[in-house]
Amino acid sequence: MNGTEPILSAAFFRTASGNEPVREWIKSLPRGERRIIGEDIKTVQFGWPLGMPLVRKLDKGLWEVRSRMPDRIVRVIFASAEGRMILPTVSSRNRRIKIELA
């Protein structure tokens, strides 16, 4: 690896109708918060494997990227397999985010 290729490629979950709910939710955030989440996901892509405080293992092959915001922590849940990072859902400590995955 030459250092410019990510260790994990990232892909957002896509519904049968073509929607990407996690990407759409991230795009709805203020620019500063989008930047924090994007930088954290990029850090995981290029620095994998990582641990706390940025990444926490939830289960076999299931992880969360923990992005610190001024007033909460946003968790982007991802599955890792075969060099891919699938981003199916998000969560926030101070509010529950509902994203329809079907």
PDB file of N, CA and C in Angstrom:
ATOM      1  N   MET A   1       0.848  -1.186   0.000  1.00  0.00           N
ATOM      2  CA  MET A   1       0.000   0.000   0.000  1.00  0.00           C
ATOM      3  C   MET A   1       0.888   1.240   0.000  1.00  0.00           C
ATOM      4  N   ASN A   2       0.519   2.238  -0.780  1.00  0.00           N
ATOM      5  CA  ASN A   2       1.353   3.430  -0.924  1.00  0.00           C
ATOM      6  C   ASN A   2       0.975   4.558   0.030  1.00  0.00           C
ATOM      7  N   GLY A   3       0.015   4.358   0.905  1.00  0.00           N
ATOM      8  CA  GLY A   3      -0.365   5.383   1.865  1.00  0.00           C
ATOM      9  C   GLY A   3      -1.461   6.315   1.383  1.00  0.00           C
ATOM     10  N   THR A   4      -1.772   6.295   0.097  1.00  0.00           N
ATOM     11  CA  THR A   4      -2.839   7.156  -0.416  1.00  0.00           C
ATOM     12  C   THR A   4      -4.142   6.397  -0.606  1.00  0.00           C
ATOM     13  N   GLU A   5      -4.096   5.098  -0.495  1.00  0.00           N
ATOM     14  CA  GLU A   5      -5.295   4.272  -0.628  1.00  0.00           C
ATOM     15  C   GLU A   5      -5.870   4.006   0.758  1.00  0.00           C
ATOM     16  N   PRO A   6      -7.187   4.125   0.934  1.00  0.00           N
ATOM     17  CA  PRO A   6      -7.758   3.817   2.250  1.00  0.00           C
ATOM     18  C   PRO A   6      -7.671   2.316   2.530  1.00  0.00           C
ATOM     19  N   ILE A   7      -7.522   1.984   3.799  1.00  0.00           N
ATOM     20  CA  ILE A   7      -7.526   0.580   4.213  1.00  0.00           C
ATOM     21  C   ILE A   7      -8.934   0.021   4.080  1.00  0.00           C
ATOM     22  N   LEU A   8      -9.921   0.825   4.428  1.00  0.00           N
ATOM     23  CA  LEU A   8     -11.336   0.461   4.281  1.00  0.00           C
ATOM     24  C   LEU A   8     -11.988   1.422   3.295  1.00  0.00           C
ATOM     25  N   SER A   9     -12.676   0.889   2.315  1.00  0.00           N
ATOM     26  CA  SER A   9     -13.475   1.762   1.455  1.00  0.00           C
ATOM     27  C   SER A   9     -14.826   1.939   2.136  1.00  0.00           C
ATOM     28  N   ALA A  10     -15.409   3.118   2.044  1.00  0.00           N
ATOM     29  CA  ALA A  10     -16.682   3.410   2.705  1.00  0.00           C
ATOM     30  C   ALA A  10     -17.815   3.385   1.690  1.00  0.00           C
ATOM     31  N   ALA A  11     -18.926   2.808   2.099  1.00  0.00           N
ATOM     32  CA  ALA A  11     -20.128   2.777   1.267  1.00  0.00           C
ATOM     33  C   ALA A  11     -21.331   2.995   2.176  1.00  0.00           C
ATOM     34  N   PHE A  12     -22.209   3.895   1.785  1.00  0.00           N
ATOM     35  CA  PHE A  12     -23.426   4.135   2.551  1.00  0.00           C
ATOM     36  C   PHE A  12     -24.471   3.106   2.181  1.00  0.00           C
ATOM     37  N   PHE A  13     -25.239   2.671   3.177  1.00  0.00           N
ATOM     38  CA  PHE A  13     -26.360   1.771   2.937  1.00  0.00           C
ATOM     39  C   PHE A  13     -27.322   2.433   1.956  1.00  0.00           C
ATOM     40  N   ARG A  14     -27.808   1.666   0.996  1.00  0.00           N
ATOM     41  CA  ARG A  14     -28.765   2.171   0.001  1.00  0.00           C
ATOM     42  C   ARG A  14     -30.009   1.296   0.034  1.00  0.00           C
ATOM     43  N   THR A  15     -31.172   1.938   0.136  1.00  0.00           N
ATOM     44  CA  THR A  15     -32.440   1.204   0.134  1.00  0.00           C
ATOM     45  C   THR A  15     -32.737   0.694  -1.264  1.00  0.00           C
ATOM     46  N   ALA A  16     -33.737  -0.153  -1.381  1.00  0.00           N
ATOM     47  CA  ALA A  16     -34.145  -0.690  -2.680  1.00  0.00           C
ATOM     48  C   ALA A  16     -34.561   0.428  -3.628  1.00  0.00           C
ATOM     49  N   SER A  17     -35.066   1.526  -3.094  1.00  0.00           N
ATOM     50  CA  SER A  17     -35.486   2.645  -3.937  1.00  0.00           C
ATOM     51  C   SER A  17     -34.336   3.604  -4.261  1.00  0.00           C
ATOM     52  N   GLY A  18     -33.126   3.293  -3.755  1.00  0.00           N
ATOM     53  CA  GLY A  18     -31.961   4.103  -4.085  1.00  0.00           C
ATOM     54  C   GLY A  18     -31.633   5.204  -3.100  1.00  0.00           C
ATOM     55  N   ASN A  19     -32.402   5.335  -2.022  1.00  0.00           N
ATOM     56  CA  ASN A  19     -32.101   6.355  -1.005  1.00  0.00           C
ATOM     57  C   ASN A  19     -30.914   5.926  -0.147  1.00  0.00           C
ATOM     58  N   GLU A  20     -30.142   6.894   0.311  1.00  0.00           N
ATOM     59  CA  GLU A  20     -29.039   6.655   1.230  1.00  0.00           C
ATOM     60  C   GLU A  20     -29.325   7.435   2.511  1.00  0.00           C
ATOM     61  N   PRO A  21     -30.092   6.845   3.437  1.00  0.00           N
ATOM     62  CA  PRO A  21     -30.572   7.591   4.601  1.00  0.00           C
ATOM     63  C   PRO A  21     -29.469   8.170   5.476  1.00  0.00           C
ATOM     64  N   VAL A  22     -28.369   7.459   5.663  1.00  0.00           N
ATOM     65  CA  VAL A  22     -27.300   7.988   6.519  1.00  0.00           C
ATOM     66  C   VAL A  22     -26.643   9.183   5.843  1.00  0.00           C
ATOM     67  N   ARG A  23     -26.342   9.071   4.562  1.00  0.00           N
ATOM     68  CA  ARG A  23     -25.741  10.193   3.828  1.00  0.00           C
ATOM     69  C   ARG A  23     -26.688  11.397   3.851  1.00  0.00           C
ATOM     70  N   GLU A  24     -27.979  11.156   3.646  1.00  0.00           N
ATOM     71  CA  GLU A  24     -28.955  12.250   3.650  1.00  0.00           C
ATOM     72  C   GLU A  24     -29.014  12.913   5.025  1.00  0.00           C
ATOM     73  N   TRP A  25     -28.960  12.110   6.099  1.00  0.00           N
ATOM     74  CA  TRP A  25     -28.996  12.677   7.438  1.00  0.00           C
ATOM     75  C   TRP A  25     -27.749  13.513   7.681  1.00  0.00           C
ATOM     76  N   ILE A  26     -26.584  12.994   7.319  1.00  0.00           N
ATOM     77  CA  ILE A  26     -25.339  13.750   7.510  1.00  0.00           C
ATOM     78  C   ILE A  26     -25.400  15.064   6.738  1.00  0.00           C
ATOM     79  N   LYS A  27     -25.915  15.045   5.511  1.00  0.00           N
ATOM     80  CA  LYS A  27     -26.020  16.268   4.712  1.00  0.00           C
ATOM     81  C   LYS A  27     -26.963  17.290   5.339  1.00  0.00           C
ATOM     82  N   SER A  28     -27.881  16.842   6.184  1.00  0.00           N
ATOM     83  CA  SER A  28     -28.836  17.767   6.815  1.00  0.00           C
ATOM     84  C   SER A  28     -28.224  18.508   8.004  1.00  0.00           C
ATOM     85  N   LEU A  29     -27.048  18.083   8.457  1.00  0.00           N
ATOM     86  CA  LEU A  29     -26.398  18.700   9.612  1.00  0.00           C
ATOM     87  C   LEU A  29     -25.711  20.005   9.231  1.00  0.00           C
ATOM     88  N   PRO A  30     -25.427  20.857  10.214  1.00  0.00           N
ATOM     89  CA  PRO A  30     -24.641  22.057   9.941  1.00  0.00           C
ATOM     90  C   PRO A  30     -23.258  21.675   9.407  1.00  0.00           C
ATOM     91  N   ARG A  31     -22.677  22.570   8.629  1.00  0.00           N
ATOM     92  CA  ARG A  31     -21.401  22.307   7.957  1.00  0.00           C
ATOM     93  C   ARG A  31     -20.302  21.836   8.919  1.00  0.00           C
ATOM     94  N   GLY A  32     -20.169  22.463  10.061  1.00  0.00           N
ATOM     95  CA  GLY A  32     -19.139  22.088  11.024  1.00  0.00           C
ATOM     96  C   GLY A  32     -19.290  20.662  11.517  1.00  0.00           C
ATOM     97  N   GLU A  33     -20.524  20.244  11.771  1.00  0.00           N
ATOM     98  CA  GLU A  33     -20.779  18.876  12.224  1.00  0.00           C
ATOM     99  C   GLU A  33     -20.510  17.880  11.102  1.00  0.00           C
ATOM    100  N   ARG A  34     -20.905  18.230   9.877  1.00  0.00           N
ATOM    101  CA  ARG A  34     -20.610  17.353   8.723  1.00  0.00           C
ATOM    102  C   ARG A  34     -19.110  17.148   8.597  1.00  0.00           C
ATOM    103  N   ARG A  35     -18.367  18.216   8.774  1.00  0.00           N
ATOM    104  CA  ARG A  35     -16.905  18.144   8.652  1.00  0.00           C
ATOM    105  C   ARG A  35     -16.319  17.208   9.715  1.00  0.00           C
ATOM    106  N   ILE A  36     -16.775  17.334  10.952  1.00  0.00           N
ATOM    107  CA  ILE A  36     -16.275  16.472  12.027  1.00  0.00           C
ATOM    108  C   ILE A  36     -16.539  15.008  11.709  1.00  0.00           C
ATOM    109  N   ILE A  37     -17.768  14.685  11.323  1.00  0.00           N
ATOM    110  CA  ILE A  37     -18.123  13.299  11.005  1.00  0.00           C
ATOM    111  C   ILE A  37     -17.304  12.805   9.818  1.00  0.00           C
ATOM    112  N   GLY A  38     -17.192  13.617   8.776  1.00  0.00           N
ATOM    113  CA  GLY A  38     -16.424  13.233   7.598  1.00  0.00           C
ATOM    114  C   GLY A  38     -14.963  12.973   7.917  1.00  0.00           C
ATOM    115  N   GLU A  39     -14.367  13.837   8.734  1.00  0.00           N
ATOM    116  CA  GLU A  39     -12.966  13.653   9.118  1.00  0.00           C
ATOM    117  C   GLU A  39     -12.794  12.390   9.959  1.00  0.00           C
ATOM    118  N   ASP A  40     -13.748  12.119  10.836  1.00  0.00           N
ATOM    119  CA  ASP A  40     -13.656  10.918  11.661  1.00  0.00           C
ATOM    120  C   ASP A  40     -13.789   9.652  10.816  1.00  0.00           C
ATOM    121  N   ILE A  41     -14.722   9.643   9.863  1.00  0.00           N
ATOM    122  CA  ILE A  41     -14.861   8.486   8.977  1.00  0.00           C
ATOM    123  C   ILE A  41     -13.589   8.304   8.160  1.00  0.00           C
ATOM    124  N   LYS A  42     -13.028   9.396   7.672  1.00  0.00           N
ATOM    125  CA  LYS A  42     -11.785   9.321   6.894  1.00  0.00           C
ATOM    126  C   LYS A  42     -10.639   8.786   7.756  1.00  0.00           C
ATOM    127  N   THR A  43     -10.564   9.222   9.007  1.00  0.00           N
ATOM    128  CA  THR A  43      -9.536   8.719   9.914  1.00  0.00           C
ATOM    129  C   THR A  43      -9.642   7.203  10.053  1.00  0.00           C
ATOM    130  N   VAL A  44     -10.854   6.703  10.178  1.00  0.00           N
ATOM    131  CA  VAL A  44     -11.054   5.256  10.288  1.00  0.00           C
ATOM    132  C   VAL A  44     -10.659   4.571   8.980  1.00  0.00           C
ATOM    133  N   GLN A  45     -11.062   5.128   7.844  1.00  0.00           N
ATOM    134  CA  GLN A  45     -10.716   4.525   6.561  1.00  0.00           C
ATOM    135  C   GLN A  45      -9.210   4.365   6.382  1.00  0.00           C
ATOM    136  N   PHE A  46      -8.457   5.378   6.755  1.00  0.00           N
ATOM    137  CA  PHE A  46      -7.014   5.371   6.512  1.00  0.00           C
ATOM    138  C   PHE A  46      -6.192   4.828   7.685  1.00  0.00           C
ATOM    139  N   GLY A  47      -6.799   4.741   8.880  1.00  0.00           N
ATOM    140  CA  GLY A  47      -6.046   4.320  10.045  1.00  0.00           C
ATOM    141  C   GLY A  47      -6.455   2.980  10.636  1.00  0.00           C
ATOM    142  N   TRP A  48      -7.381   2.312   9.978  1.00  0.00           N
ATOM    143  CA  TRP A  48      -7.928   1.056  10.489  1.00  0.00           C
ATOM    144  C   TRP A  48      -6.835   0.034  10.731  1.00  0.00           C
ATOM    145  N   PRO A  49      -6.878  -0.726  11.822  1.00  0.00           N
ATOM    146  CA  PRO A  49      -7.876  -0.733  12.895  1.00  0.00           C
ATOM    147  C   PRO A  49      -7.567   0.326  13.957  1.00  0.00           C
ATOM    148  N   LEU A  50      -8.616   0.878  14.523  1.00  0.00           N
ATOM    149  CA  LEU A  50      -8.513   1.891  15.574  1.00  0.00           C
ATOM    150  C   LEU A  50      -9.398   1.478  16.751  1.00  0.00           C
ATOM    151  N   GLY A  51      -9.187   2.117  17.882  1.00  0.00           N
ATOM    152  CA  GLY A  51      -9.993   1.830  19.062  1.00  0.00           C
ATOM    153  C   GLY A  51     -10.538   3.112  19.665  1.00  0.00           C
ATOM    154  N   MET A  52     -10.918   3.015  20.919  1.00  0.00           N
ATOM    155  CA  MET A  52     -11.462   4.152  21.646  1.00  0.00           C
ATOM    156  C   MET A  52     -10.402   5.237  21.771  1.00  0.00           C
ATOM    157  N   PRO A  53     -10.786   6.486  21.779  1.00  0.00           N
ATOM    158  CA  PRO A  53     -12.151   6.982  21.921  1.00  0.00           C
ATOM    159  C   PRO A  53     -12.887   7.162  20.595  1.00  0.00           C
ATOM    160  N   LEU A  54     -12.247   6.952  19.434  1.00  0.00           N
ATOM    161  CA  LEU A  54     -12.904   7.205  18.152  1.00  0.00           C
ATOM    162  C   LEU A  54     -13.765   6.036  17.691  1.00  0.00           C
ATOM    163  N   VAL A  55     -13.301   4.814  17.886  1.00  0.00           N
ATOM    164  CA  VAL A  55     -14.009   3.631  17.379  1.00  0.00           C
ATOM    165  C   VAL A  55     -14.260   2.667  18.525  1.00  0.00           C
ATOM    166  N   ARG A  56     -15.480   2.162  18.590  1.00  0.00           N
ATOM    167  CA  ARG A  56     -15.818   1.157  19.598  1.00  0.00           C
ATOM    168  C   ARG A  56     -16.442  -0.049  18.918  1.00  0.00           C
ATOM    169  N   LYS A  57     -15.971  -1.225  19.303  1.00  0.00           N
ATOM    170  CA  LYS A  57     -16.529  -2.466  18.777  1.00  0.00           C
ATOM    171  C   LYS A  57     -17.858  -2.741  19.465  1.00  0.00           C
ATOM    172  N   LEU A  58     -18.877  -3.050  18.667  1.00  0.00           N
ATOM    173  CA  LEU A  58     -20.197  -3.375  19.211  1.00  0.00           C
ATOM    174  C   LEU A  58     -20.440  -4.868  19.228  1.00  0.00           C
ATOM    175  N   ASP A  59     -19.987  -5.543  18.167  1.00  0.00           N
ATOM    176  CA  ASP A  59     -20.183  -6.979  18.018  1.00  0.00           C
ATOM    177  C   ASP A  59     -19.229  -7.452  16.931  1.00  0.00           C
ATOM    178  N   LYS A  60     -19.212  -8.714  16.640  1.00  0.00           N
ATOM    179  CA  LYS A  60     -18.331  -9.227  15.601  1.00  0.00           C
ATOM    180  C   LYS A  60     -18.641  -8.541  14.270  1.00  0.00           C
ATOM    181  N   GLY A  61     -17.650  -7.824  13.743  1.00  0.00           N
ATOM    182  CA  GLY A  61     -17.813  -7.131  12.464  1.00  0.00           C
ATOM    183  C   GLY A  61     -18.662  -5.872  12.519  1.00  0.00           C
ATOM    184  N   LEU A  62     -19.078  -5.437  13.714  1.00  0.00           N
ATOM    185  CA  LEU A  62     -19.940  -4.263  13.861  1.00  0.00           C
ATOM    186  C   LEU A  62     -19.256  -3.256  14.792  1.00  0.00           C
ATOM    187  N   TRP A  63     -19.124  -2.019  14.310  1.00  0.00           N
ATOM    188  CA  TRP A  63     -18.375  -0.981  15.007  1.00  0.00           C
ATOM    189  C   TRP A  63     -19.148   0.330  14.979  1.00  0.00           C
ATOM    190  N   GLU A  64     -18.699   1.290  15.785  1.00  0.00           N
ATOM    191  CA  GLU A  64     -19.252   2.630  15.719  1.00  0.00           C
ATOM    192  C   GLU A  64     -18.114   3.638  15.701  1.00  0.00           C
ATOM    193  N   VAL A  65     -18.260   4.658  14.843  1.00  0.00           N
ATOM    194  CA  VAL A  65     -17.368   5.810  14.844  1.00  0.00           C
ATOM    195  C   VAL A  65     -18.032   6.830  15.755  1.00  0.00           C
ATOM    196  N   ARG A  66     -17.310   7.292  16.760  1.00  0.00           N
ATOM    197  CA  ARG A  66     -17.863   8.199  17.769  1.00  0.00           C
ATOM    198  C   ARG A  66     -17.344   9.612  17.507  1.00  0.00           C
ATOM    199  N   SER A  67     -18.185  10.440  16.933  1.00  0.00           N
ATOM    200  CA  SER A  67     -17.809  11.819  16.596  1.00  0.00           C
ATOM    201  C   SER A  67     -18.297  12.764  17.689  1.00  0.00           C
ATOM    202  N   ARG A  68     -17.370  13.501  18.279  1.00  0.00           N
ATOM    203  CA  ARG A  68     -17.711  14.438  19.364  1.00  0.00           C
ATOM    204  C   ARG A  68     -18.172  15.770  18.780  1.00  0.00           C
ATOM    205  N   MET A  69     -19.389  16.145  19.131  1.00  0.00           N
ATOM    206  CA  MET A  69     -19.952  17.440  18.787  1.00  0.00           C
ATOM    207  C   MET A  69     -19.917  18.299  20.042  1.00  0.00           C
ATOM    208  N   PRO A  70     -20.133  19.601  19.919  1.00  0.00           N
ATOM    209  CA  PRO A  70     -20.108  20.450  21.123  1.00  0.00           C
ATOM    210  C   PRO A  70     -21.113  20.020  22.197  1.00  0.00           C
ATOM    211  N   ASP A  71     -22.268  19.482  21.774  1.00  0.00           N
ATOM    212  CA  ASP A  71     -23.319  19.171  22.737  1.00  0.00           C
ATOM    213  C   ASP A  71     -23.718  17.703  22.799  1.00  0.00           C
ATOM    214  N   ARG A  72     -23.027  16.832  22.054  1.00  0.00           N
ATOM    215  CA  ARG A  72     -23.399  15.421  22.032  1.00  0.00           C
ATOM    216  C   ARG A  72     -22.316  14.603  21.313  1.00  0.00           C
ATOM    217  N   ILE A  73     -22.508  13.305  21.337  1.00  0.00           N
ATOM    218  CA  ILE A  73     -21.666  12.405  20.548  1.00  0.00           C
ATOM    219  C   ILE A  73     -22.558  11.773  19.493  1.00  0.00           C
ATOM    220  N   VAL A  74     -22.140  11.857  18.248  1.00  0.00           N
ATOM    221  CA  VAL A  74     -22.858  11.200  17.159  1.00  0.00           C
ATOM    222  C   VAL A  74     -22.130   9.903  16.858  1.00  0.00           C
ATOM    223  N   ARG A  75     -22.880   8.829  16.777  1.00  0.00           N
ATOM    224  CA  ARG A  75     -22.305   7.519  16.496  1.00  0.00           C
ATOM    225  C   ARG A  75     -22.744   7.067  15.113  1.00  0.00           C
ATOM    226  N   VAL A  76     -21.772   6.831  14.251  1.00  0.00           N
ATOM    227  CA  VAL A  76     -22.056   6.285  12.926  1.00  0.00           C
ATOM    228  C   VAL A  76     -21.694   4.813  12.998  1.00  0.00           C
ATOM    229  N   ILE A  77     -22.700   3.973  12.900  1.00  0.00           N
ATOM    230  CA  ILE A  77     -22.513   2.532  13.009  1.00  0.00           C
ATOM    231  C   ILE A  77     -22.056   2.007  11.649  1.00  0.00           C
ATOM    232  N   PHE A  78     -21.094   1.081  11.667  1.00  0.00           N
ATOM    233  CA  PHE A  78     -20.661   0.485  10.409  1.00  0.00           C
ATOM    234  C   PHE A  78     -20.311  -0.980  10.585  1.00  0.00           C
ATOM    235  N   ALA A  79     -20.496  -1.712   9.510  1.00  0.00           N
ATOM    236  CA  ALA A  79     -20.081  -3.111   9.444  1.00  0.00           C
ATOM    237  C   ALA A  79     -18.799  -3.154   8.635  1.00  0.00           C
ATOM    238  N   SER A  80     -17.890  -4.001   9.053  1.00  0.00           N
ATOM    239  CA  SER A  80     -16.604  -4.108   8.373  1.00  0.00           C
ATOM    240  C   SER A  80     -16.435  -5.531   7.874  1.00  0.00           C
ATOM    241  N   ALA A  81     -16.166  -5.654   6.577  1.00  0.00           N
ATOM    242  CA  ALA A  81     -15.929  -6.969   5.983  1.00  0.00           C
ATOM    243  C   ALA A  81     -15.190  -6.789   4.668  1.00  0.00           C
ATOM    244  N   GLU A  82     -14.181  -7.616   4.461  1.00  0.00           N
ATOM    245  CA  GLU A  82     -13.450  -7.653   3.196  1.00  0.00           C
ATOM    246  C   GLU A  82     -12.975  -6.279   2.733  1.00  0.00           C
ATOM    247  N   GLY A  83     -12.444  -5.483   3.673  1.00  0.00           N
ATOM    248  CA  GLY A  83     -11.905  -4.179   3.318  1.00  0.00           C
ATOM    249  C   GLY A  83     -12.948  -3.119   3.017  1.00  0.00           C
ATOM    250  N   ARG A  84     -14.202  -3.377   3.376  1.00  0.00           N
ATOM    251  CA  ARG A  84     -15.269  -2.406   3.151  1.00  0.00           C
ATOM    252  C   ARG A  84     -15.862  -1.969   4.475  1.00  0.00           C
ATOM    253  N   MET A  85     -16.322  -0.753   4.486  1.00  0.00           N
ATOM    254  CA  MET A  85     -16.959  -0.137   5.646  1.00  0.00           C
ATOM    255  C   MET A  85     -18.365   0.255   5.196  1.00  0.00           C
ATOM    256  N   ILE A  86     -19.379  -0.500   5.614  1.00  0.00           N
ATOM    257  CA  ILE A  86     -20.760  -0.226   5.231  1.00  0.00           C
ATOM    258  C   ILE A  86     -21.397   0.594   6.350  1.00  0.00           C
ATOM    259  N   LEU A  87     -21.956   1.753   5.993  1.00  0.00           N
ATOM    260  CA  LEU A  87     -22.517   2.687   6.979  1.00  0.00           C
ATOM    261  C   LEU A  87     -24.049   2.620   6.945  1.00  0.00           C
ATOM    262  N   PRO A  88     -24.651   1.751   7.783  1.00  0.00           N
ATOM    263  CA  PRO A  88     -26.099   1.593   7.713  1.00  0.00           C
ATOM    264  C   PRO A  88     -26.926   2.523   8.581  1.00  0.00           C
ATOM    265  N   THR A  89     -26.379   3.062   9.678  1.00  0.00           N
ATOM    266  CA  THR A  89     -27.219   3.842  10.580  1.00  0.00           C
ATOM    267  C   THR A  89     -26.383   4.785  11.449  1.00  0.00           C
ATOM    268  N   VAL A  90     -27.063   5.714  12.113  1.00  0.00           N
ATOM    269  CA  VAL A  90     -26.419   6.660  13.026  1.00  0.00           C
ATOM    270  C   VAL A  90     -27.224   6.761  14.306  1.00  0.00           C
ATOM    271  N   SER A  91     -26.583   7.275  15.357  1.00  0.00           N
ATOM    272  CA  SER A  91     -27.231   7.469  16.640  1.00  0.00           C
ATOM    273  C   SER A  91     -26.609   8.702  17.285  1.00  0.00           C
ATOM    274  N   SER A  92     -27.360   9.350  18.154  1.00  0.00           N
ATOM    275  CA  SER A  92     -26.853  10.499  18.885  1.00  0.00           C
ATOM    276  C   SER A  92     -27.187  10.324  20.352  1.00  0.00           C
ATOM    277  N   ARG A  93     -26.258  10.671  21.226  1.00  0.00           N
ATOM    278  CA  ARG A  93     -26.456  10.472  22.663  1.00  0.00           C
ATOM    279  C   ARG A  93     -27.628  11.290  23.184  1.00  0.00           C
ATOM    280  N   ASN A  94     -27.845  12.470  22.679  1.00  0.00           N
ATOM    281  CA  ASN A  94     -28.880  13.344  23.224  1.00  0.00           C
ATOM    282  C   ASN A  94     -30.202  13.276  22.482  1.00  0.00           C
ATOM    283  N   ARG A  95     -30.225  12.547  21.376  1.00  0.00           N
ATOM    284  CA  ARG A  95     -31.502  12.370  20.687  1.00  0.00           C
ATOM    285  C   ARG A  95     -31.424  11.140  19.805  1.00  0.00           C
ATOM    286  N   ARG A  96     -32.540  10.486  19.660  1.00  0.00           N
ATOM    287  CA  ARG A  96     -32.596   9.289  18.838  1.00  0.00           C
ATOM    288  C   ARG A  96     -32.880   9.715  17.396  1.00  0.00           C
ATOM    289  N   ILE A  97     -32.134   9.156  16.480  1.00  0.00           N
ATOM    290  CA  ILE A  97     -32.291   9.484  15.062  1.00  0.00           C
ATOM    291  C   ILE A  97     -32.936   8.300  14.377  1.00  0.00           C
ATOM    292  N   LYS A  98     -34.086   8.516  13.810  1.00  0.00           N
ATOM    293  CA  LYS A  98     -34.772   7.431  13.124  1.00  0.00           C
ATOM    294  C   LYS A  98     -34.458   7.494  11.639  1.00  0.00           C
ATOM    295  N   ILE A  99     -33.906   6.405  11.143  1.00  0.00           N
ATOM    296  CA  ILE A  99     -33.617   6.279   9.733  1.00  0.00           C
ATOM    297  C   ILE A  99     -34.226   4.979   9.262  1.00  0.00           C
ATOM    298  N   GLU A 100     -35.098   5.050   8.307  1.00  0.00           N
ATOM    299  CA  GLU A 100     -35.787   3.885   7.785  1.00  0.00           C
ATOM    300  C   GLU A 100     -34.848   3.123   6.867  1.00  0.00           C
ATOM    301  N   LEU A 101     -34.545   1.882   7.206  1.00  0.00           N
ATOM    302  CA  LEU A 101     -33.607   1.090   6.407  1.00  0.00           C
ATOM    303  C   LEU A 101     -34.289   0.188   5.400  1.00  0.00           C
ATOM    304  N   ALA A 102     -35.581   0.110   5.400  1.00  0.00           N
ATOM    305  CA  ALA A 102     -36.255  -0.766   4.438  1.00  0.00           C
ATOM    306  C   ALA A 102     -36.942   0.034   3.350  1.00  0.00           C
TER     307      ALA A 102
END
